[in-house]
N, C-alpha and C. Protein backbone atom coordinates (compact mmCIF):
# COMPACT_ATOMS: atom_id res chain seq x y z
N MET A 1 69.45 -5.84 -0.69
CA MET A 1 68.55 -5.60 0.16
C MET A 1 68.36 -4.51 0.11
N LYS A 2 68.85 -3.57 -0.02
CA LYS A 2 68.09 -2.10 -0.33
C LYS A 2 66.95 -2.07 -1.20
N ARG A 3 67.12 -2.72 -2.39
CA ARG A 3 66.21 -2.63 -3.19
C ARG A 3 65.13 -3.57 -2.60
N LYS A 4 65.12 -4.36 -2.09
CA LYS A 4 63.95 -5.05 -1.37
C LYS A 4 63.19 -4.13 -0.22
N THR A 5 64.08 -3.39 0.53
CA THR A 5 63.30 -2.43 1.31
C THR A 5 62.83 -1.34 0.77
N ILE A 6 63.12 -0.76 -0.33
CA ILE A 6 62.46 0.38 -1.42
C ILE A 6 61.15 -0.39 -1.89
N SER A 7 61.45 -1.19 -2.29
CA SER A 7 60.05 -2.23 -3.13
C SER A 7 59.08 -2.02 -2.10
N LEU A 8 59.52 -2.15 -0.75
CA LEU A 8 58.52 -2.60 0.38
C LEU A 8 57.84 -1.62 0.74
N LEU A 9 58.75 -0.57 0.92
CA LEU A 9 58.20 1.01 1.22
C LEU A 9 57.06 1.11 0.31
N LEU A 10 57.57 1.16 -1.18
CA LEU A 10 56.57 1.62 -1.85
C LEU A 10 55.44 0.91 -1.91
N LEU A 11 55.38 -0.47 -1.86
CA LEU A 11 54.07 -1.28 -1.90
C LEU A 11 53.20 -0.61 -0.57
N ALA A 12 53.97 -0.49 0.46
CA ALA A 12 53.09 -0.07 1.51
C ALA A 12 52.68 1.55 1.37
N PHE A 13 53.32 2.12 0.79
CA PHE A 13 53.02 3.33 0.42
C PHE A 13 51.71 3.53 -0.45
N ILE A 14 51.53 2.41 -1.70
CA ILE A 14 50.61 2.50 -2.20
C ILE A 14 49.12 1.68 -1.70
N MET A 15 49.61 0.67 -0.89
CA MET A 15 48.36 0.02 -0.37
C MET A 15 47.62 1.24 0.72
N VAL A 16 48.53 2.15 1.52
CA VAL A 16 47.89 3.20 2.22
C VAL A 16 46.97 4.14 1.25
N LEU A 17 47.56 4.41 0.15
CA LEU A 17 46.97 5.28 -0.89
C LEU A 17 45.43 4.74 -1.10
N THR A 18 45.64 3.44 -1.77
CA THR A 18 44.48 3.08 -2.16
C THR A 18 43.20 2.86 -1.07
N ASN A 19 43.89 2.48 0.19
CA ASN A 19 42.75 2.28 1.13
C ASN A 19 41.93 3.62 1.29
N SER A 20 42.49 4.62 1.51
CA SER A 20 42.04 6.10 1.65
C SER A 20 41.08 6.45 0.22
N ILE A 21 41.54 6.03 -0.82
CA ILE A 21 40.84 6.47 -1.71
C ILE A 21 39.42 5.66 -1.69
N TYR A 22 39.48 4.31 -1.33
CA TYR A 22 38.41 3.58 -1.16
C TYR A 22 37.47 3.71 -0.05
N ALA A 23 38.03 4.36 1.10
CA ALA A 23 37.47 4.93 2.19
C ALA A 23 36.41 6.21 1.86
N ASN A 24 37.17 6.98 1.33
CA ASN A 24 36.58 8.50 0.51
C ASN A 24 35.31 7.94 -0.49
N THR A 25 35.95 6.89 -1.21
CA THR A 25 34.75 6.50 -2.12
C THR A 25 33.29 6.28 -1.48
N TYR A 26 33.94 5.16 -0.36
CA TYR A 26 32.62 4.60 0.34
C TYR A 26 31.73 5.54 0.97
N ALA A 27 32.41 6.61 1.63
CA ALA A 27 31.67 7.94 2.08
C ALA A 27 30.81 8.59 1.42
N MET A 28 31.40 9.13 -0.14
CA MET A 28 30.71 9.71 -0.67
C MET A 28 29.44 9.05 -1.20
N ILE A 29 29.55 7.42 -1.36
CA ILE A 29 28.41 6.49 -1.81
C ILE A 29 27.16 6.65 -0.57
N VAL A 30 27.88 6.35 0.73
CA VAL A 30 26.73 6.26 1.88
C VAL A 30 26.06 7.82 1.96
N ASP A 31 26.89 8.59 1.81
CA ASP A 31 26.34 10.21 1.69
C ASP A 31 25.10 10.33 0.91
N LEU A 32 25.55 9.87 -0.41
CA LEU A 32 24.30 10.04 -1.77
C LEU A 32 23.18 9.14 -1.22
N ILE A 33 23.62 7.78 -0.67
CA ILE A 33 22.14 7.04 -0.22
C ILE A 33 21.38 7.37 0.74
N GLU A 34 21.84 8.09 1.60
CA GLU A 34 21.19 8.63 2.66
C GLU A 34 20.24 9.92 2.40
N ASN A 35 20.67 10.66 1.26
CA ASN A 35 20.19 11.54 1.06
C ASN A 35 19.20 11.61 -0.56
N THR A 36 18.99 10.34 -0.90
CA THR A 36 18.03 9.97 -1.73
C THR A 36 16.77 9.16 -1.40
N THR A 37 15.67 9.70 -2.03
CA THR A 37 14.37 8.96 -1.74
C THR A 37 14.34 7.87 -2.75
N VAL A 38 14.07 6.78 -2.34
CA VAL A 38 13.44 5.56 -3.02
C VAL A 38 12.21 5.37 -3.05
N THR A 39 11.81 5.50 -4.36
CA THR A 39 10.36 5.22 -4.95
C THR A 39 9.76 3.73 -5.33
N PRO A 40 9.27 3.40 -4.44
CA PRO A 40 9.15 1.87 -5.12
C PRO A 40 7.85 1.91 -6.44
N TYR A 41 8.12 1.09 -7.45
CA TYR A 41 7.20 1.00 -8.60
C TYR A 41 6.30 -0.52 -8.62
N TYR A 42 5.19 -0.17 -9.44
CA TYR A 42 4.67 -1.72 -9.61
C TYR A 42 4.11 -1.99 -8.08
N THR A 43 3.69 -1.28 -7.39
CA THR A 43 2.97 -1.23 -6.33
C THR A 43 1.41 -1.37 -6.19
N THR A 44 0.61 -0.55 -7.16
CA THR A 44 -0.48 -0.25 -7.58
C THR A 44 -0.67 -0.61 -8.97
N ILE A 45 0.00 -0.41 -9.90
CA ILE A 45 0.18 -0.64 -11.21
C ILE A 45 0.66 -2.12 -11.69
N LEU A 46 -0.19 -2.95 -11.91
CA LEU A 46 0.19 -4.30 -11.96
C LEU A 46 1.13 -4.72 -13.36
N TRP A 47 0.53 -4.07 -14.29
CA TRP A 47 1.48 -3.86 -15.71
C TRP A 47 1.09 -2.85 -16.94
N VAL A 48 1.96 -2.73 -17.66
CA VAL A 48 2.08 -1.82 -18.71
C VAL A 48 2.13 -2.32 -20.04
N SER A 49 1.69 -1.47 -21.26
CA SER A 49 2.64 -1.94 -22.46
C SER A 49 2.37 -0.82 -23.49
N ASN A 50 2.99 -0.78 -24.42
CA ASN A 50 2.98 0.48 -25.34
C ASN A 50 3.42 -0.09 -26.64
N GLY A 51 3.19 0.63 -27.47
CA GLY A 51 3.73 0.32 -28.68
C GLY A 51 3.29 1.31 -29.89
N LEU A 52 4.30 1.53 -30.71
CA LEU A 52 4.22 2.51 -31.92
C LEU A 52 4.66 1.70 -33.19
N LYS A 53 3.80 1.82 -33.96
CA LYS A 53 4.15 1.19 -35.37
C LYS A 53 3.81 2.29 -36.55
N HIS A 54 4.89 1.96 -37.74
CA HIS A 54 4.34 2.77 -38.94
C HIS A 54 3.52 1.93 -39.95
N GLU A 55 2.43 2.34 -40.33
CA GLU A 55 1.76 1.62 -41.30
C GLU A 55 2.23 2.22 -42.73
N SER A 56 1.42 3.13 -43.38
CA SER A 56 1.75 3.16 -44.80
C SER A 56 1.53 4.65 -45.16
N ASP A 57 2.18 5.19 -45.66
CA ASP A 57 2.05 7.06 -46.24
C ASP A 57 2.00 7.89 -44.72
N GLY A 58 2.81 7.95 -43.98
CA GLY A 58 3.25 8.65 -43.00
C GLY A 58 2.11 8.31 -41.75
N LYS A 59 1.61 7.00 -41.93
CA LYS A 59 0.18 6.64 -40.63
C LYS A 59 0.87 5.90 -39.34
N LEU A 60 0.86 6.34 -38.56
CA LEU A 60 1.39 5.73 -37.34
C LEU A 60 0.37 5.25 -36.61
N ILE A 61 0.54 4.32 -36.02
CA ILE A 61 -0.47 3.36 -34.84
C ILE A 61 0.17 3.67 -33.36
N CYS A 62 -0.46 4.19 -32.64
CA CYS A 62 0.13 4.51 -31.31
C CYS A 62 -1.16 3.79 -29.94
N GLN A 63 -0.34 3.14 -29.52
CA GLN A 63 -0.94 2.27 -28.56
C GLN A 63 -0.42 2.20 -26.77
N GLY A 64 -1.10 2.42 -25.96
CA GLY A 64 -0.85 2.35 -24.64
C GLY A 64 -1.82 1.61 -24.02
N ASP A 65 -1.64 1.03 -22.63
CA ASP A 65 -2.23 0.28 -21.96
C ASP A 65 -1.96 0.07 -20.56
N THR A 66 -2.60 0.49 -19.62
CA THR A 66 -2.27 0.36 -18.11
C THR A 66 -3.52 -0.59 -17.45
N ASN A 67 -2.91 -1.29 -16.77
CA ASN A 67 -3.56 -2.34 -15.91
C ASN A 67 -3.39 -2.12 -14.36
N VAL A 68 -4.29 -1.71 -13.44
CA VAL A 68 -4.11 -1.71 -12.14
C VAL A 68 -4.64 -2.65 -11.10
N GLN A 69 -4.42 -2.43 -9.80
CA GLN A 69 -5.40 -3.49 -9.06
C GLN A 69 -6.61 -2.93 -8.79
N GLN A 70 -7.22 -4.17 -8.52
CA GLN A 70 -9.27 -3.80 -8.46
C GLN A 70 -9.26 -2.67 -7.25
N GLY A 71 -10.26 -1.85 -7.45
CA GLY A 71 -10.53 -0.46 -6.96
C GLY A 71 -9.43 0.59 -6.98
N TYR A 72 -8.94 0.90 -7.95
CA TYR A 72 -8.38 1.53 -8.39
C TYR A 72 -8.50 1.74 -9.97
N ILE A 73 -8.34 3.47 -10.24
CA ILE A 73 -8.65 3.83 -11.56
C ILE A 73 -7.49 3.70 -12.33
N ALA A 74 -7.42 2.92 -13.58
CA ALA A 74 -6.07 3.36 -14.51
C ALA A 74 -6.29 4.24 -15.59
N GLY A 75 -5.27 4.92 -15.73
CA GLY A 75 -5.02 6.11 -16.80
C GLY A 75 -4.05 6.03 -17.45
N VAL A 76 -3.78 6.46 -18.77
CA VAL A 76 -2.77 6.72 -19.74
C VAL A 76 -2.52 7.88 -20.37
N LYS A 77 -1.66 8.52 -20.21
CA LYS A 77 -1.15 9.71 -21.37
C LYS A 77 -0.02 9.67 -22.49
N MET A 78 -0.48 9.46 -23.77
CA MET A 78 0.44 9.14 -24.70
C MET A 78 0.84 10.28 -25.41
N GLU A 79 2.23 10.77 -25.71
CA GLU A 79 2.68 12.09 -26.06
C GLU A 79 3.52 11.23 -27.09
N LEU A 80 3.12 11.68 -28.30
CA LEU A 80 3.70 11.40 -29.62
C LEU A 80 4.78 12.33 -29.90
N GLN A 81 6.05 12.12 -29.76
CA GLN A 81 7.35 12.97 -29.94
C GLN A 81 8.14 12.62 -31.12
N LYS A 82 8.66 13.83 -31.70
CA LYS A 82 9.52 13.79 -32.93
C LYS A 82 10.87 14.33 -32.59
N LEU A 83 11.85 13.73 -33.10
CA LEU A 83 13.30 14.03 -32.77
C LEU A 83 13.80 15.08 -33.90
N SER A 84 13.99 16.29 -33.17
CA SER A 84 14.74 17.29 -33.94
C SER A 84 16.19 17.31 -33.22
N ASP A 85 16.49 18.40 -32.81
CA ASP A 85 17.44 18.73 -31.86
C ASP A 85 17.31 17.67 -30.49
N SER A 86 16.25 17.72 -30.00
CA SER A 86 15.63 16.91 -28.88
C SER A 86 14.29 16.56 -28.95
N TRP A 87 13.66 15.74 -28.24
CA TRP A 87 12.83 14.99 -28.28
C TRP A 87 11.72 15.90 -28.27
N THR A 88 10.55 16.53 -28.99
CA THR A 88 9.85 17.53 -29.01
C THR A 88 7.96 16.74 -29.16
N THR A 89 7.32 16.85 -28.23
CA THR A 89 5.91 16.37 -28.22
C THR A 89 4.98 17.44 -29.02
N ILE A 90 4.47 16.57 -30.22
CA ILE A 90 3.73 17.28 -31.53
C ILE A 90 2.23 16.73 -30.81
N LYS A 91 1.89 15.80 -30.44
CA LYS A 91 0.59 15.34 -30.10
C LYS A 91 0.48 14.68 -28.67
N THR A 92 -0.87 14.96 -27.80
CA THR A 92 -1.04 14.01 -26.86
C THR A 92 -2.56 13.62 -26.61
N TRP A 93 -2.43 12.92 -26.31
CA TRP A 93 -3.64 11.93 -25.68
C TRP A 93 -3.85 11.72 -24.50
N ASP A 94 -4.64 11.93 -23.46
CA ASP A 94 -4.99 11.31 -22.29
C ASP A 94 -6.45 10.75 -21.86
N SER A 95 -6.38 9.66 -21.00
CA SER A 95 -7.61 9.62 -20.73
C SER A 95 -7.49 8.21 -19.68
N THR A 96 -8.97 8.57 -18.48
CA THR A 96 -8.49 7.45 -17.58
C THR A 96 -9.73 6.62 -18.00
N SER A 97 -9.78 5.32 -17.48
CA SER A 97 -10.90 4.52 -17.43
C SER A 97 -11.96 4.53 -15.99
N ASP A 98 -13.27 3.68 -16.17
CA ASP A 98 -13.91 3.41 -15.15
C ASP A 98 -13.57 2.43 -14.01
N ASP A 99 -12.60 2.01 -14.34
CA ASP A 99 -12.25 0.54 -13.95
C ASP A 99 -10.62 0.32 -13.98
N SER A 100 -10.34 -0.88 -13.69
CA SER A 100 -8.91 -1.10 -13.52
C SER A 100 -7.92 -1.37 -14.78
N GLU A 101 -8.53 -1.27 -15.96
CA GLU A 101 -7.73 -1.07 -17.14
C GLU A 101 -8.10 -0.13 -18.03
N MET A 102 -7.16 0.66 -18.72
CA MET A 102 -7.17 1.46 -19.88
C MET A 102 -6.27 1.18 -20.98
N TYR A 103 -7.18 1.30 -22.06
CA TYR A 103 -6.19 1.09 -23.48
C TYR A 103 -6.97 2.32 -23.82
N LEU A 104 -5.85 2.83 -25.05
CA LEU A 104 -5.58 3.82 -25.66
C LEU A 104 -5.10 3.47 -27.12
N TYR A 105 -5.74 3.76 -27.83
CA TYR A 105 -5.28 3.57 -29.38
C TYR A 105 -5.73 4.47 -30.22
N LYS A 106 -4.55 5.18 -31.04
CA LYS A 106 -5.00 6.43 -31.70
C LYS A 106 -3.96 6.35 -33.21
N GLU A 107 -4.57 6.67 -34.18
CA GLU A 107 -3.97 6.70 -35.62
C GLU A 107 -3.54 8.27 -35.89
N TRP A 108 -2.37 8.39 -36.18
CA TRP A 108 -1.66 9.75 -36.76
C TRP A 108 -0.81 10.20 -37.84
N TYR A 109 -0.99 10.92 -38.43
CA TYR A 109 -0.57 11.05 -39.78
C TYR A 109 0.84 11.99 -39.62
N VAL A 110 1.90 11.73 -39.80
CA VAL A 110 3.15 12.61 -40.04
C VAL A 110 3.83 12.39 -40.88
N VAL A 111 4.69 13.83 -41.07
CA VAL A 111 5.72 14.08 -42.06
C VAL A 111 7.14 13.03 -41.62
N ARG A 112 7.99 12.76 -42.90
CA ARG A 112 9.09 12.18 -42.33
C ARG A 112 9.61 12.54 -41.46
N GLY A 113 10.47 11.55 -40.56
CA GLY A 113 11.13 11.81 -39.44
C GLY A 113 11.40 10.49 -38.56
N THR A 114 11.80 11.03 -37.38
CA THR A 114 11.91 9.82 -35.99
C THR A 114 11.02 10.22 -35.17
N TYR A 115 10.08 9.28 -34.68
CA TYR A 115 9.29 9.49 -33.73
C TYR A 115 9.12 8.01 -32.60
N ARG A 116 8.84 8.66 -31.23
CA ARG A 116 8.57 7.69 -30.40
C ARG A 116 7.26 8.36 -29.71
N LEU A 117 6.90 7.18 -28.60
CA LEU A 117 5.75 7.65 -27.63
C LEU A 117 6.35 7.77 -26.12
N LYS A 118 5.79 8.53 -25.32
CA LYS A 118 6.40 8.74 -24.15
C LYS A 118 5.06 8.40 -23.46
N LEU A 119 4.79 7.44 -22.57
CA LEU A 119 3.71 7.21 -21.87
C LEU A 119 3.68 7.06 -20.59
N THR A 120 2.70 7.74 -19.86
CA THR A 120 2.72 8.28 -18.53
C THR A 120 1.76 7.29 -17.71
N HIS A 121 2.03 6.27 -17.35
CA HIS A 121 0.80 5.39 -16.82
C HIS A 121 0.56 5.49 -15.44
N THR A 122 -0.87 5.98 -15.15
CA THR A 122 -1.20 5.72 -13.66
C THR A 122 -2.35 5.45 -13.02
N ALA A 123 -2.23 5.26 -12.06
CA ALA A 123 -3.02 4.51 -10.82
C ALA A 123 -3.85 5.69 -10.02
N LEU A 124 -5.01 5.86 -10.20
CA LEU A 124 -5.56 6.93 -9.02
C LEU A 124 -6.47 6.31 -8.15
N ASN A 125 -6.65 6.65 -7.02
CA ASN A 125 -7.52 6.10 -6.43
C ASN A 125 -9.03 6.57 -6.55
N SER A 126 -10.27 6.34 -5.36
CA SER A 126 -11.63 6.71 -5.79
C SER A 126 -11.91 7.86 -5.95
N SER A 127 -10.90 8.67 -5.04
CA SER A 127 -11.22 10.23 -5.24
C SER A 127 -10.46 10.83 -6.32
N GLY A 128 -9.77 10.25 -7.31
CA GLY A 128 -9.09 10.83 -8.22
C GLY A 128 -7.84 11.01 -8.19
N ARG A 129 -7.10 10.95 -6.71
CA ARG A 129 -5.47 11.06 -6.64
C ARG A 129 -5.02 10.04 -7.26
N VAL A 130 -3.95 10.68 -7.64
CA VAL A 130 -2.69 9.65 -8.18
C VAL A 130 -2.00 9.02 -7.10
N VAL A 131 -2.20 7.48 -6.95
CA VAL A 131 -0.86 7.02 -6.23
C VAL A 131 0.23 6.39 -6.83
N GLU A 132 0.31 6.27 -7.83
CA GLU A 132 1.52 5.85 -8.59
C GLU A 132 1.32 6.24 -9.99
N THR A 133 2.52 6.46 -10.57
CA THR A 133 3.02 6.68 -12.06
C THR A 133 4.08 6.26 -12.71
N VAL A 134 4.02 5.44 -13.31
CA VAL A 134 5.18 5.04 -14.26
C VAL A 134 5.24 5.51 -15.75
N ILE A 135 6.54 6.26 -16.07
CA ILE A 135 7.10 6.74 -17.45
C ILE A 135 7.38 5.81 -18.15
N LYS A 136 7.07 5.33 -19.35
CA LYS A 136 7.63 4.38 -20.38
C LYS A 136 7.94 5.08 -21.64
N TYR A 137 8.49 4.52 -22.49
CA TYR A 137 9.06 5.03 -24.06
C TYR A 137 8.93 3.80 -24.82
N SER A 138 8.02 4.28 -25.86
CA SER A 138 7.96 2.89 -26.71
C SER A 138 9.02 2.74 -27.64
N ASN A 139 9.44 1.74 -28.84
CA ASN A 139 10.30 1.73 -29.72
C ASN A 139 10.63 2.83 -30.40
N ILE A 140 11.43 3.32 -31.20
CA ILE A 140 11.85 4.41 -31.92
C ILE A 140 11.29 3.91 -33.67
N VAL A 141 10.68 4.84 -34.05
CA VAL A 141 10.04 4.70 -35.74
C VAL A 141 10.59 5.50 -36.52
N THR A 142 11.34 5.03 -37.66
CA THR A 142 11.62 6.26 -38.56
C THR A 142 10.99 6.40 -40.04
N TYR A 143 10.34 7.46 -40.35
CA TYR A 143 9.57 7.25 -41.53
C TYR A 143 10.11 7.98 -42.68
């Protein structure tokens, strides 16, 4: 009988302890949510694409495409990055269109290493003010 009583007391203690842990965790999560700004994506930008391809002899093919809703201007900034200790931008191309699609294609010769593209896709209003931005990374290429 004494053994059952000790087991029940131990079980009750564990239940009280775990409930307080859950309550504290819940309070921390609610606090984080209330102090966070939620930014919706793809409200003006319809779709984006990008690609990085190694051709031959160190030639990379870099591509970025942004498509936005009618009435907005599409833009794309393409940053070719090389991996050393961290990703470092070695070449940047930036362009906007006169309409709702911007396609950027560049060829660039590199030395041996590991590369990727960082693409910043933008939608601008008629005044040239950026209304939406989406950042994407391409596949990684090693030459």
